[in-house]
Amino acid sequence: MALEFDITTRNGPVEARGTVDGVVPFHFEDHGDHWTARIGGHWQHTEAHSAGSRAPDTRPLADTRRNIYRALALFRSQAKRLS
């Protein structure tokens, strides 16, 4: 399963859009105190940032990438259990 995405940080929350396997839509948003990832039309995961984490506009992009890949790993894990 391949994930391709672009991260944007303009005018609002850090956001990433892309696809899983070149077909399934992927969307990620950092809302400040939490982040949300959506894959496909039905799967969604929301998670709080750890205490003391930085504001979205000062958070390193490496943190954003780590959360994006965490979301994909959770999606894969749940998909395996359902199949």
C-alpha atoms as a PDB file:
ATOM      1  CA  MET A   1       0.000   0.000   0.000  1.00  0.00           C
ATOM      2  CA  ALA A   2       1.620   3.266  -1.120  1.00  0.00           C
ATOM      3  CA  LEU A   3       0.753   6.667   0.279  1.00  0.00           C
ATOM      4  CA  GLU A   4       1.383   9.813  -1.735  1.00  0.00           C
ATOM      5  CA  PHE A   5       0.588  13.226  -0.266  1.00  0.00           C
ATOM      6  CA  ASP A   6       1.393  16.929  -0.301  1.00  0.00           C
ATOM      7  CA  ILE A   7       1.558  18.963   2.903  1.00  0.00           C
ATOM      8  CA  THR A   8       0.334  22.562   2.904  1.00  0.00           C
ATOM      9  CA  THR A   9       0.683  25.077   5.715  1.00  0.00           C
ATOM     10  CA  ARG A  10      -0.869  28.184   4.154  1.00  0.00           C
ATOM     11  CA  ASN A  11      -3.703  30.166   5.721  1.00  0.00           C
ATOM     12  CA  GLY A  12      -4.943  27.765   8.348  1.00  0.00           C
ATOM     13  CA  PRO A  13      -4.222  24.356   9.783  1.00  0.00           C
ATOM     14  CA  VAL A  14      -1.449  22.133   8.514  1.00  0.00           C
ATOM     15  CA  GLU A  15      -3.114  19.932   5.943  1.00  0.00           C
ATOM     16  CA  ALA A  16      -2.121  17.017   3.740  1.00  0.00           C
ATOM     17  CA  ARG A  17      -4.023  15.568   0.803  1.00  0.00           C
ATOM     18  CA  GLY A  18      -3.193  12.599  -1.346  1.00  0.00           C
ATOM     19  CA  THR A  19      -4.052   9.015  -2.137  1.00  0.00           C
ATOM     20  CA  VAL A  20      -3.440   5.508  -0.861  1.00  0.00           C
ATOM     21  CA  ASP A  21      -2.465   3.179  -3.708  1.00  0.00           C
ATOM     22  CA  GLY A  22      -3.034   6.008  -6.152  1.00  0.00           C
ATOM     23  CA  VAL A  23      -6.807   5.646  -5.847  1.00  0.00           C
ATOM     24  CA  VAL A  24      -8.207   5.954  -2.308  1.00  0.00           C
ATOM     25  CA  PRO A  25      -8.448   9.584  -1.102  1.00  0.00           C
ATOM     26  CA  PHE A  26      -6.421  10.593   1.945  1.00  0.00           C
ATOM     27  CA  HIS A  27      -6.851  13.793   3.986  1.00  0.00           C
ATOM     28  CA  PHE A  28      -5.037  14.947   7.147  1.00  0.00           C
ATOM     29  CA  GLU A  29      -5.557  18.100   9.230  1.00  0.00           C
ATOM     30  CA  ASP A  30      -3.733  19.365  12.312  1.00  0.00           C
ATOM     31  CA  HIS A  31      -6.269  21.267  14.402  1.00  0.00           C
ATOM     32  CA  GLY A  32      -3.849  22.505  17.055  1.00  0.00           C
ATOM     33  CA  ASP A  33      -4.776  20.368  20.046  1.00  0.00           C
ATOM     34  CA  HIS A  34      -5.550  17.297  17.912  1.00  0.00           C
ATOM     35  CA  TRP A  35      -5.200  15.910  14.405  1.00  0.00           C
ATOM     36  CA  THR A  36      -7.623  14.042  12.151  1.00  0.00           C
ATOM     37  CA  ALA A  37      -6.967  11.686   9.239  1.00  0.00           C
ATOM     38  CA  ARG A  38      -9.540  10.383   6.754  1.00  0.00           C
ATOM     39  CA  ILE A  39      -8.935   7.551   4.321  1.00  0.00           C
ATOM     40  CA  GLY A  40     -11.560   6.629   1.773  1.00  0.00           C
ATOM     41  CA  GLY A  41     -15.146   7.580   2.374  1.00  0.00           C
ATOM     42  CA  HIS A  42     -15.642   5.892   5.738  1.00  0.00           C
ATOM     43  CA  TRP A  43     -12.449   5.589   7.801  1.00  0.00           C
ATOM     44  CA  GLN A  44     -11.476   8.415  10.157  1.00  0.00           C
ATOM     45  CA  HIS A  45      -9.119   8.709  13.118  1.00  0.00           C
ATOM     46  CA  THR A  46      -8.724  11.644  15.519  1.00  0.00           C
ATOM     47  CA  GLU A  47      -5.977  11.828  18.107  1.00  0.00           C
ATOM     48  CA  ALA A  48      -4.912  14.436  20.664  1.00  0.00           C
ATOM     49  CA  HIS A  49      -1.394  15.845  20.544  1.00  0.00           C
ATOM     50  CA  SER A  50       0.776  15.034  23.533  1.00  0.00           C
ATOM     51  CA  ALA A  51       0.879  17.544  26.360  1.00  0.00           C
ATOM     52  CA  GLY A  52       3.361  20.315  25.750  1.00  0.00           C
ATOM     53  CA  SER A  53       3.441  19.900  21.988  1.00  0.00           C
ATOM     54  CA  ARG A  54       3.937  22.995  19.869  1.00  0.00           C
ATOM     55  CA  ALA A  55       1.307  25.051  18.054  1.00  0.00           C
ATOM     56  CA  PRO A  56       0.597  23.796  14.502  1.00  0.00           C
ATOM     57  CA  ASP A  57       2.417  26.709  12.870  1.00  0.00           C
ATOM     58  CA  THR A  58       5.597  25.970  14.851  1.00  0.00           C
ATOM     59  CA  ARG A  59       5.357  22.160  14.923  1.00  0.00           C
ATOM     60  CA  PRO A  60       8.091  20.487  12.859  1.00  0.00           C
ATOM     61  CA  LEU A  61       6.865  18.893   9.614  1.00  0.00           C
ATOM     62  CA  ALA A  62       8.534  15.686  10.805  1.00  0.00           C
ATOM     63  CA  ASP A  63       5.829  15.492  13.507  1.00  0.00           C
ATOM     64  CA  THR A  64       3.149  15.907  10.855  1.00  0.00           C
ATOM     65  CA  ARG A  65       4.689  13.152   8.713  1.00  0.00           C
ATOM     66  CA  ARG A  66       4.942  10.844  11.746  1.00  0.00           C
ATOM     67  CA  ASN A  67       1.224  11.365  12.504  1.00  0.00           C
ATOM     68  CA  ILE A  68       0.308  10.772   8.854  1.00  0.00           C
ATOM     69  CA  TYR A  69       2.191   7.463   8.792  1.00  0.00           C
ATOM     70  CA  ARG A  70       0.681   6.546  12.176  1.00  0.00           C
ATOM     71  CA  ALA A  71      -2.779   7.052  10.681  1.00  0.00           C
ATOM     72  CA  LEU A  72      -1.905   4.845   7.705  1.00  0.00           C
ATOM     73  CA  ALA A  73      -0.588   2.120  10.041  1.00  0.00           C
ATOM     74  CA  LEU A  74      -3.810   2.240  12.076  1.00  0.00           C
ATOM     75  CA  PHE A  75      -5.872   2.052   8.887  1.00  0.00           C
ATOM     76  CA  ARG A  76      -3.890  -0.980   7.670  1.00  0.00           C
ATOM     77  CA  SER A  77      -4.184  -2.696  11.047  1.00  0.00           C
ATOM     78  CA  GLN A  78      -7.939  -2.201  11.214  1.00  0.00           C
ATOM     79  CA  ALA A  79      -8.396  -3.292   7.592  1.00  0.00           C
ATOM     80  CA  LYS A  80      -6.499  -6.544   8.318  1.00  0.00           C
ATOM     81  CA  ARG A  81      -8.742  -7.299  11.294  1.00  0.00           C
ATOM     82  CA  LEU A  82     -11.871  -6.783   9.197  1.00  0.00           C
ATOM     83  CA  SER A  83     -10.769  -9.021   6.337  1.00  0.00           C
END
